[in-house]
């Protein structure tokens, strides 16, 4: 970590973050001009900030992108990617490592190829996708200067703040046109609202919740957690429970398994302290949870009526089979892809199928190889001597959650790439062993 004396912008950035969020929320609810003011403030912060501030504001606002829309396909958040890329290049005086060039060419070529197979109106969406991925590539190409713990807190704070806006939707009339919330049928004529923040889908909403929870748990068991992290973790668990998402529960189970593996290998006695903290946080969270929601969630995970695994997965296995059959019957799709934003009758609900279907085996291999080389080079600059399973915990949770959700076309996908990659370079080991 490279520490620098606080600049004038550092001293006011948190109040500025709050003002920017309020501008977007009030602008979407009452006065659209305030959204433009929020955008101009964000641009000012990006153009005046260093890399840390640029990444912080983009992670913070990723949860608010849904209310920053200019149209159904384009948002102010997409424009901020362009501004952020320009600023990052300016900070580095236009110097980028060759692997970023290769990665950029791979993304551009694979996405452009997809235009030949997808609908013409996806060009605008593809532009948004490409600038987001290029920003993520710039961020991870040199990880030396980042305070990763601060980035994770900001990311968590953005999720929580957007969740509070969802709670206040009845008092923010204009927000309703941006929010499409889901409900769960409890009985005839009775439905419960599923919590989903401003992301409009409970499963998509709980993916960043799972990732930030895993990061905060990692800080806890590596003795690097503070009180603010406990508060953030408790609130995230509370909101995740109200989502009624089975995937969220499975994500937590993966987090628990990773934590146990780490503790049993390095400090078998510390799991008692972790269990104690977990019980305390759990009991506190339970005080704020509607018992009916908890019962419904338990029923969904354990005893929901299901005749087979396809029924339990809400039809996902049938979709997997549909996409597999389609790709193997169409060799061009299998090797070259069918373009982004061009699903079959329904989305695949699987990260791996989605990626191969969109880019093909050739495109997937090309993009994956160039990103891995770019990010590994960026992480080497950080000079981290030891890594534990905790460093890869967000990646593992992401892959498990990705088995039941579409991700790469999400506007938050660049944020996922950033937090997962940077966390691999976080200092989490307090013991000499390494993996």
Protein backbone atom coordinates (compact mmCIF):
# COMPACT_ATOMS: atom_id res chain seq x y z
CA UNK A 1 0.00 0.00 0.00
CA UNK A 2 1.25 3.44 -0.91
CA UNK A 3 0.06 6.05 1.60
CA UNK A 4 -0.15 9.69 0.64
CA UNK A 5 -0.96 12.84 2.55
CA UNK A 6 -4.67 13.62 2.37
CA UNK A 7 -5.57 16.08 -0.38
CA UNK A 8 -8.34 18.66 -0.12
CA UNK A 9 -10.59 16.34 -2.14
CA UNK A 10 -9.90 13.44 0.25
CA UNK A 11 -11.14 15.52 3.18
CA UNK A 12 -14.51 16.27 1.60
CA UNK A 13 -15.07 13.18 -0.53
CA UNK A 14 -17.50 11.39 1.83
CA UNK A 15 -19.88 14.39 2.13
CA UNK A 16 -19.52 14.84 -1.63
CA UNK A 17 -20.43 11.18 -2.19
CA UNK A 18 -23.57 11.64 -0.09
CA UNK A 19 -24.55 14.83 -1.95
CA UNK A 20 -24.07 13.09 -5.31
CA UNK A 21 -26.27 10.15 -4.28
CA UNK A 22 -28.97 12.51 -3.00
CA UNK A 23 -28.90 14.43 -6.29
CA UNK A 24 -29.54 11.26 -8.28
CA UNK A 25 -32.27 10.02 -5.92
CA UNK A 26 -34.12 13.35 -5.65
CA UNK A 27 -33.57 13.98 -9.36
CA UNK A 28 -35.16 10.64 -10.26
CA UNK A 29 -38.01 11.25 -7.82
CA UNK A 30 -38.92 14.93 -8.18
CA UNK A 31 -36.64 17.24 -10.18
CA UNK A 32 -34.78 15.72 -13.12
CA UNK A 33 -32.42 18.70 -13.23
CA UNK A 34 -30.86 17.46 -9.99
CA UNK A 35 -29.75 14.28 -11.76
CA UNK A 36 -27.78 16.47 -14.17
CA UNK A 37 -26.25 18.33 -11.22
CA UNK A 38 -25.32 14.98 -9.68
CA UNK A 39 -23.73 13.96 -12.97
CA UNK A 40 -21.71 17.20 -13.19
CA UNK A 41 -20.53 16.77 -9.57
CA UNK A 42 -19.51 13.20 -10.36
CA UNK A 43 -17.59 14.33 -13.44
CA UNK A 44 -15.86 17.01 -11.33
CA UNK A 45 -14.87 14.43 -8.71
CA UNK A 46 -13.56 12.04 -11.35
CA UNK A 47 -11.55 14.70 -13.20
CA UNK A 48 -10.05 16.07 -9.97
CA UNK A 49 -9.57 12.78 -8.14
CA UNK A 50 -6.80 10.25 -8.15
CA UNK A 51 -7.30 6.58 -9.01
CA UNK A 52 -8.68 5.72 -5.57
CA UNK A 53 -11.42 8.34 -5.76
CA UNK A 54 -12.28 7.47 -9.37
CA UNK A 55 -12.76 3.80 -8.54
CA UNK A 56 -14.62 4.60 -5.30
CA UNK A 57 -17.26 6.77 -6.96
CA UNK A 58 -17.80 4.27 -9.79
CA UNK A 59 -18.26 1.41 -7.30
CA UNK A 60 -20.53 3.55 -5.12
CA UNK A 61 -22.81 4.53 -7.99
CA UNK A 62 -22.97 1.06 -9.56
CA UNK A 63 -25.95 0.26 -7.31
CA UNK A 64 -27.68 3.48 -8.43
CA UNK A 65 -27.22 2.98 -12.19
CA UNK A 66 -30.84 1.86 -12.52
CA UNK A 67 -32.16 5.34 -11.65
CA UNK A 68 -29.58 7.20 -13.78
CA UNK A 69 -31.26 6.32 -17.09
CA UNK A 70 -31.33 8.52 -20.15
CA UNK A 71 -33.25 5.83 -22.06
CA UNK A 72 -34.10 2.14 -21.79
CA UNK A 73 -30.62 1.21 -23.06
CA UNK A 74 -28.34 4.02 -21.88
CA UNK A 75 -27.67 5.70 -18.54
CA UNK A 76 -25.59 8.54 -17.17
CA UNK A 77 -23.53 5.81 -15.53
CA UNK A 78 -22.40 4.64 -18.98
CA UNK A 79 -21.16 8.16 -19.75
CA UNK A 80 -19.25 8.19 -16.47
CA UNK A 81 -17.29 5.14 -17.67
CA UNK A 82 -16.02 7.21 -20.59
CA UNK A 83 -15.03 10.11 -18.28
CA UNK A 84 -13.34 7.70 -15.86
CA UNK A 85 -11.34 6.05 -18.66
CA UNK A 86 -10.10 9.45 -19.83
CA UNK A 87 -9.10 10.39 -16.29
CA UNK A 88 -7.28 7.10 -15.65
CA UNK A 89 -5.32 7.50 -18.89
CA UNK A 90 -4.51 11.12 -17.97
CA UNK A 91 -3.19 10.10 -14.54
CA UNK A 92 -0.89 7.55 -16.19
CA UNK A 93 0.06 10.14 -18.83
CA UNK A 94 -1.41 7.94 -21.53
CA UNK A 95 0.97 5.07 -20.77
CA UNK A 96 -0.70 1.67 -20.67
CA UNK A 97 0.92 -1.71 -20.52
CA UNK A 98 0.85 -3.78 -23.69
CA UNK A 99 -1.43 -6.39 -22.11
CA UNK A 100 -4.16 -3.77 -21.75
CA UNK A 101 -3.87 -3.09 -25.48
CA UNK A 102 -4.26 -6.80 -26.24
CA UNK A 103 -7.22 -7.04 -23.85
CA UNK A 104 -8.87 -3.99 -25.45
CA UNK A 105 -8.46 -5.42 -28.93
CA UNK A 106 -9.90 -8.74 -27.77
CA UNK A 107 -12.97 -7.11 -26.22
CA UNK A 108 -13.52 -4.83 -29.23
CA UNK A 109 -13.13 -7.59 -31.81
CA UNK A 110 -15.30 -10.14 -30.00
CA UNK A 111 -18.04 -7.58 -29.34
CA UNK A 112 -17.96 -6.27 -32.92
CA UNK A 113 -18.19 -9.79 -34.29
CA UNK A 114 -21.31 -10.26 -32.20
CA UNK A 115 -23.01 -7.40 -34.07
CA UNK A 116 -23.25 -9.62 -37.14
CA UNK A 117 -25.32 -12.16 -35.22
CA UNK A 118 -27.36 -9.92 -32.90
CA UNK A 119 -29.98 -7.28 -33.62
CA UNK A 120 -28.62 -3.94 -34.95
CA UNK A 121 -30.12 -2.02 -32.02
CA UNK A 122 -27.71 -3.75 -29.66
CA UNK A 123 -24.83 -1.54 -30.89
CA UNK A 124 -25.55 1.07 -28.22
CA UNK A 125 -25.66 -1.61 -25.53
CA UNK A 126 -22.40 -3.07 -26.80
CA UNK A 127 -20.73 0.33 -26.55
CA UNK A 128 -21.84 0.56 -22.91
CA UNK A 129 -20.55 -2.96 -22.28
CA UNK A 130 -17.16 -2.30 -23.89
CA UNK A 131 -16.44 0.98 -22.06
CA UNK A 132 -17.35 -0.66 -18.75
CA UNK A 133 -15.00 -3.59 -19.34
CA UNK A 134 -12.21 -1.28 -20.53
CA UNK A 135 -12.54 0.76 -17.34
CA UNK A 136 -12.26 -2.41 -15.27
CA UNK A 137 -9.17 -3.40 -17.27
CA UNK A 138 -7.53 -0.04 -16.58
CA UNK A 139 -8.26 -0.33 -12.87
CA UNK A 140 -6.69 -3.78 -12.49
CA UNK A 141 -3.72 -3.11 -14.78
CA UNK A 142 -1.88 -1.44 -11.88
CA UNK A 143 -3.10 -2.21 -8.34
CA UNK A 144 -0.31 -0.55 -6.39
CA UNK A 145 -2.15 2.57 -5.18
CA UNK A 146 -5.49 1.20 -4.04
CA UNK A 147 -6.81 0.99 -0.49
CA UNK A 148 -8.84 -2.14 -1.16
CA UNK A 149 -10.55 -2.20 2.23
CA UNK A 150 -11.84 1.34 1.63
CA UNK A 151 -13.10 0.29 -1.81
CA UNK A 152 -14.98 -2.66 -0.34
CA UNK A 153 -16.57 -0.45 2.31
CA UNK A 154 -17.64 2.08 -0.32
CA UNK A 155 -19.10 -0.71 -2.46
CA UNK A 156 -21.02 -2.05 0.54
CA UNK A 157 -22.19 1.44 1.49
CA UNK A 158 -23.56 1.99 -2.02
CA UNK A 159 -25.54 -1.27 -1.86
CA UNK A 160 -26.96 -0.35 1.54
CA UNK A 161 -27.79 3.23 0.53
CA UNK A 162 -29.62 2.07 -2.61
CA UNK A 163 -31.47 -0.49 -0.49
CA UNK A 164 -32.69 2.25 1.84
CA UNK A 165 -33.99 4.13 -1.20
CA UNK A 166 -35.98 1.00 -2.11
CA UNK A 167 -37.50 1.04 1.38
CA UNK A 168 -38.55 4.66 0.90
CA UNK A 169 -40.06 4.11 -2.56
CA UNK A 170 -43.56 5.09 -1.37
CA UNK A 171 -42.24 8.53 -0.41
CA UNK A 172 -40.29 8.98 -3.65
CA UNK A 173 -42.99 8.84 -6.34
CA UNK A 174 -40.72 9.27 -9.34
CA UNK A 175 -38.57 6.32 -8.28
CA UNK A 176 -41.43 3.92 -8.98
CA UNK A 177 -40.94 4.19 -12.76
CA UNK A 178 -37.41 2.81 -12.36
CA UNK A 179 -38.24 0.04 -9.90
CA UNK A 180 -39.77 -3.27 -10.92
CA UNK A 181 -39.88 -5.34 -7.77
CA UNK A 182 -40.80 -9.01 -7.54
CA UNK A 183 -43.17 -10.73 -5.15
CA UNK A 184 -43.41 -14.28 -3.81
CA UNK A 185 -46.72 -16.11 -3.57
CA UNK A 186 -47.26 -17.22 0.03
CA UNK A 187 -50.83 -18.44 -0.39
CA UNK A 188 -53.91 -17.69 -2.43
CA UNK A 189 -54.20 -13.92 -2.66
CA UNK A 190 -51.19 -13.30 -0.41
CA UNK A 191 -47.83 -12.20 -1.80
CA UNK A 192 -44.66 -10.89 -0.13
CA UNK A 193 -42.47 -8.24 -1.72
CA UNK A 194 -38.96 -9.55 -2.44
CA UNK A 195 -36.28 -7.02 -1.57
CA UNK A 196 -34.12 -6.06 -4.55
CA UNK A 197 -32.80 -2.53 -3.97
CA UNK A 198 -32.59 -0.50 -7.18
CA UNK A 199 -31.36 -3.48 -9.22
CA UNK A 200 -34.91 -4.77 -9.90
CA UNK A 201 -34.10 -8.45 -9.53
CA UNK A 202 -33.60 -10.22 -6.18
CA UNK A 203 -30.98 -12.64 -7.51
CA UNK A 204 -28.98 -9.90 -9.24
CA UNK A 205 -29.32 -7.75 -6.11
CA UNK A 206 -27.95 -10.41 -3.78
CA UNK A 207 -24.87 -11.15 -5.89
CA UNK A 208 -23.03 -7.96 -4.81
CA UNK A 209 -24.44 -8.53 -1.32
CA UNK A 210 -22.83 -12.00 -1.25
CA UNK A 211 -19.51 -10.64 -2.54
CA UNK A 212 -19.30 -7.83 0.01
CA UNK A 213 -20.38 -10.15 2.83
CA UNK A 214 -17.56 -12.54 1.88
CA UNK A 215 -15.06 -9.67 1.84
CA UNK A 216 -16.16 -8.43 5.27
CA UNK A 217 -16.09 -11.96 6.69
CA UNK A 218 -12.56 -12.35 5.31
CA UNK A 219 -11.46 -9.22 7.17
CA UNK A 220 -13.09 -10.59 10.32
CA UNK A 221 -11.35 -13.96 10.36
CA UNK A 222 -8.00 -12.47 9.36
CA UNK A 223 -8.21 -10.03 12.32
CA UNK A 224 -8.58 -6.98 10.11
CA UNK A 225 -12.20 -6.07 10.79
CA UNK A 226 -13.44 -2.95 12.56
CA UNK A 227 -16.79 -2.02 14.08
CA UNK A 228 -17.95 -0.28 10.90
CA UNK A 229 -17.39 -3.54 9.01
CA UNK A 230 -19.59 -5.43 11.50
CA UNK A 231 -22.36 -2.85 11.03
CA UNK A 232 -22.11 -3.10 7.24
CA UNK A 233 -22.14 -6.91 7.39
CA UNK A 234 -25.21 -6.96 9.62
CA UNK A 235 -27.17 -4.63 7.33
CA UNK A 236 -26.21 -6.60 4.22
CA UNK A 237 -27.33 -9.86 5.83
CA UNK A 238 -30.63 -8.22 6.80
CA UNK A 239 -31.35 -6.97 3.28
CA UNK A 240 -30.24 -10.27 1.77
CA UNK A 241 -32.72 -12.16 3.94
CA UNK A 242 -35.57 -9.94 2.77
CA UNK A 243 -34.73 -10.80 -0.85
CA UNK A 244 -36.10 -14.31 -0.30
CA UNK A 245 -33.36 -15.50 -2.66
CA UNK A 246 -32.27 -19.12 -2.47
CA UNK A 247 -29.12 -18.19 -4.35
CA UNK A 248 -28.24 -15.73 -1.57
CA UNK A 249 -28.42 -18.53 1.00
CA UNK A 250 -26.22 -20.80 -1.11
CA UNK A 251 -23.75 -17.92 -1.49
CA UNK A 252 -23.60 -17.61 2.30
CA UNK A 253 -23.04 -21.35 2.64
CA UNK A 254 -20.08 -21.12 0.25
CA UNK A 255 -18.73 -18.22 2.34
CA UNK A 256 -19.07 -20.31 5.50
CA UNK A 257 -17.27 -23.27 3.89
CA UNK A 258 -14.38 -21.08 2.70
CA UNK A 259 -14.08 -19.56 6.18
CA UNK A 260 -13.97 -22.98 7.81
CA UNK A 261 -11.29 -24.22 5.42
CA UNK A 262 -9.15 -21.17 6.19
CA UNK A 263 -9.55 -21.43 9.95
CA UNK A 264 -9.06 -25.18 10.22
CA UNK A 265 -5.84 -24.97 8.20
CA UNK A 266 -4.33 -21.98 10.00
CA UNK A 267 -5.88 -21.51 13.42
CA UNK A 268 -8.36 -24.21 14.45
CA UNK A 269 -9.13 -22.42 17.73
CA UNK A 270 -10.18 -19.16 16.15
CA UNK A 271 -13.38 -20.64 14.73
CA UNK A 272 -14.86 -20.37 18.25
CA UNK A 273 -14.38 -16.60 18.21
CA UNK A 274 -15.78 -16.44 14.69
CA UNK A 275 -18.77 -18.50 15.80
CA UNK A 276 -19.29 -16.14 18.72
CA UNK A 277 -19.19 -13.05 16.54
CA UNK A 278 -21.44 -14.76 14.00
CA UNK A 279 -24.00 -15.60 16.68
CA UNK A 280 -24.00 -12.03 17.99
CA UNK A 281 -24.41 -10.54 14.52
CA UNK A 282 -27.06 -13.14 13.69
CA UNK A 283 -29.06 -12.41 16.83
CA UNK A 284 -28.92 -8.68 16.16
CA UNK A 285 -30.05 -9.19 12.57
CA UNK A 286 -32.91 -11.42 13.73
CA UNK A 287 -34.27 -8.58 15.85
CA UNK A 288 -34.99 -6.66 12.66
CA UNK A 289 -36.19 -9.54 10.48
CA UNK A 290 -39.88 -10.15 9.94
CA UNK A 291 -40.35 -13.75 11.13
CA UNK A 292 -42.64 -14.47 8.20
CA UNK A 293 -39.84 -13.63 5.75
CA UNK A 294 -37.45 -15.92 7.57
CA UNK A 295 -39.92 -18.81 7.52
CA UNK A 296 -40.58 -18.32 3.81
CA UNK A 297 -36.85 -18.27 3.04
CA UNK A 298 -36.24 -21.46 5.04
CA UNK A 299 -39.15 -23.15 3.29
CA UNK A 300 -37.80 -22.11 -0.13
CA UNK A 301 -34.36 -23.53 0.62
CA UNK A 302 -35.27 -26.70 2.50
CA UNK A 303 -38.83 -27.88 2.00
CA UNK A 304 -40.27 -26.10 -1.03
CA UNK A 305 -42.52 -28.44 -3.01
CA UNK A 306 -40.54 -29.62 -6.01
CA UNK A 307 -41.00 -32.73 -8.07
CA UNK A 308 -37.43 -32.69 -9.42
CA UNK A 309 -34.28 -30.59 -9.51
CA UNK A 310 -35.54 -28.60 -12.49
CA UNK A 311 -38.59 -27.59 -10.49
CA UNK A 312 -36.46 -26.70 -7.46
CA UNK A 313 -34.20 -24.57 -9.67
CA UNK A 314 -37.29 -22.75 -11.04
CA UNK A 315 -36.75 -24.18 -14.51
CA UNK A 316 -33.05 -23.38 -14.87
CA UNK A 317 -31.95 -26.90 -15.77
CA UNK A 318 -34.40 -26.97 -18.66
CA UNK A 319 -32.88 -23.69 -19.86
CA UNK A 320 -29.37 -25.10 -19.57
CA UNK A 321 -30.39 -28.05 -21.73
CA UNK A 322 -32.01 -25.71 -24.26
CA UNK A 323 -28.84 -23.64 -24.66
CA UNK A 324 -26.54 -26.67 -24.79
CA UNK A 325 -28.63 -28.26 -27.51
CA UNK A 326 -28.76 -25.02 -29.49
CA UNK A 327 -24.99 -24.49 -29.35
CA UNK A 328 -24.11 -28.04 -30.30
CA UNK A 329 -26.59 -27.95 -33.18
CA UNK A 330 -25.08 -24.65 -34.40
CA UNK A 331 -21.30 -24.94 -34.69
CA UNK A 332 -20.96 -21.26 -35.57
CA UNK A 333 -22.58 -20.29 -32.26
CA UNK A 334 -20.44 -22.77 -30.34
CA UNK A 335 -17.16 -21.38 -31.68
CA UNK A 336 -17.97 -17.74 -32.58
CA UNK A 337 -20.94 -17.01 -30.36
CA UNK A 338 -24.31 -15.45 -31.10
CA UNK A 339 -23.61 -11.92 -29.85
CA UNK A 340 -24.33 -10.16 -26.58
CA UNK A 341 -27.87 -9.09 -25.71
CA UNK A 342 -29.20 -11.73 -28.08
CA UNK A 343 -30.59 -14.57 -25.93
CA UNK A 344 -33.00 -17.27 -27.01
CA UNK A 345 -36.61 -17.08 -25.82
CA UNK A 346 -35.31 -16.77 -22.24
CA UNK A 347 -31.94 -15.87 -20.75
CA UNK A 348 -29.69 -18.82 -19.94
CA UNK A 349 -29.44 -18.00 -16.20
CA UNK A 350 -25.88 -19.31 -16.13
CA UNK A 351 -22.67 -17.26 -16.38
CA UNK A 352 -20.67 -19.96 -18.15
CA UNK A 353 -23.34 -20.83 -20.71
CA UNK A 354 -24.06 -17.13 -21.22
CA UNK A 355 -20.40 -16.37 -21.94
CA UNK A 356 -19.84 -19.20 -24.41
CA UNK A 357 -23.20 -18.56 -26.11
CA UNK A 358 -22.35 -14.84 -26.48
CA UNK A 359 -18.66 -15.04 -27.43
CA UNK A 360 -18.18 -18.64 -28.52
CA UNK A 361 -15.33 -20.84 -27.38
CA UNK A 362 -12.83 -18.82 -29.41
CA UNK A 363 -13.97 -15.43 -28.16
CA UNK A 364 -14.29 -16.64 -24.56
CA UNK A 365 -10.76 -18.06 -24.61
CA UNK A 366 -9.34 -14.89 -26.15
CA UNK A 367 -11.00 -12.49 -23.69
CA UNK A 368 -10.30 -14.70 -20.66
CA UNK A 369 -6.63 -15.21 -21.52
CA UNK A 370 -5.96 -11.50 -22.13
CA UNK A 371 -7.78 -10.45 -18.94
CA UNK A 372 -5.94 -13.01 -16.83
CA UNK A 373 -2.60 -11.81 -18.20
CA UNK A 374 -3.54 -8.17 -17.67
CA UNK A 375 -4.80 -8.66 -14.11
CA UNK A 376 -1.92 -10.94 -13.06
CA UNK A 377 0.53 -8.29 -14.25
CA UNK A 378 -1.37 -5.63 -12.34
CA UNK A 379 -1.44 -7.72 -9.19
CA UNK A 380 2.28 -8.50 -9.37
CA UNK A 381 2.97 -4.76 -9.10
CA UNK A 382 1.36 -4.86 -5.65
CA UNK A 383 4.14 -7.21 -4.44
CA UNK A 384 1.92 -9.35 -2.24
CA UNK A 385 4.07 -12.14 -0.81
CA UNK A 386 1.37 -14.39 0.64
CA UNK A 387 -2.09 -15.30 -0.53
CA UNK A 388 -4.64 -17.45 1.23
CA UNK A 389 -7.90 -18.99 0.15
CA UNK A 390 -9.55 -15.79 1.41
CA UNK A 391 -7.96 -13.85 -1.43
CA UNK A 392 -9.82 -16.05 -3.90
CA UNK A 393 -13.02 -16.24 -1.83
CA UNK A 394 -14.91 -13.59 -3.81
CA UNK A 395 -13.98 -15.35 -7.04
CA UNK A 396 -15.27 -18.68 -5.68
CA UNK A 397 -18.54 -17.14 -4.49
CA UNK A 398 -18.91 -15.40 -7.85
CA UNK A 399 -18.47 -18.65 -9.77
CA UNK A 400 -20.94 -20.53 -7.57
CA UNK A 401 -23.53 -17.77 -7.85
CA UNK A 402 -22.81 -17.56 -11.58
CA UNK A 403 -24.14 -21.08 -12.05
CA UNK A 404 -27.69 -19.74 -11.70
CA UNK A 405 -27.64 -16.18 -13.01
CA UNK A 406 -26.76 -14.11 -16.08
CA UNK A 407 -23.98 -11.65 -15.24
CA UNK A 408 -21.87 -10.35 -18.11
CA UNK A 409 -24.62 -8.13 -19.54
CA UNK A 410 -25.32 -6.57 -16.14
CA UNK A 411 -24.29 -2.93 -15.78
CA UNK A 412 -22.57 -3.98 -12.53
CA UNK A 413 -20.33 -6.54 -14.23
CA UNK A 414 -17.32 -4.14 -14.38
CA UNK A 415 -17.72 -3.55 -10.64
CA UNK A 416 -17.63 -7.30 -10.04
CA UNK A 417 -14.44 -7.65 -12.08
CA UNK A 418 -12.81 -4.84 -10.10
CA UNK A 419 -13.64 -5.98 -6.57
CA UNK A 420 -12.92 -9.66 -7.26
CA UNK A 421 -9.56 -8.97 -8.93
CA UNK A 422 -8.38 -6.37 -6.43
CA UNK A 423 -9.33 -8.60 -3.50
CA UNK A 424 -6.90 -11.21 -4.79
CA UNK A 425 -4.21 -8.61 -4.11
CA UNK A 426 -5.44 -7.69 -0.62
CA UNK A 427 -3.15 -8.42 2.36
CA UNK A 428 -5.18 -10.93 4.40
CA UNK A 429 -2.63 -13.42 5.70
CA UNK A 430 -1.48 -13.08 9.30
CA UNK A 431 0.42 -16.39 9.27
CA UNK A 432 3.50 -17.53 7.32
CA UNK A 433 1.90 -20.30 5.26
CA UNK A 434 0.72 -19.52 1.75
CA UNK A 435 -1.04 -21.21 -1.13
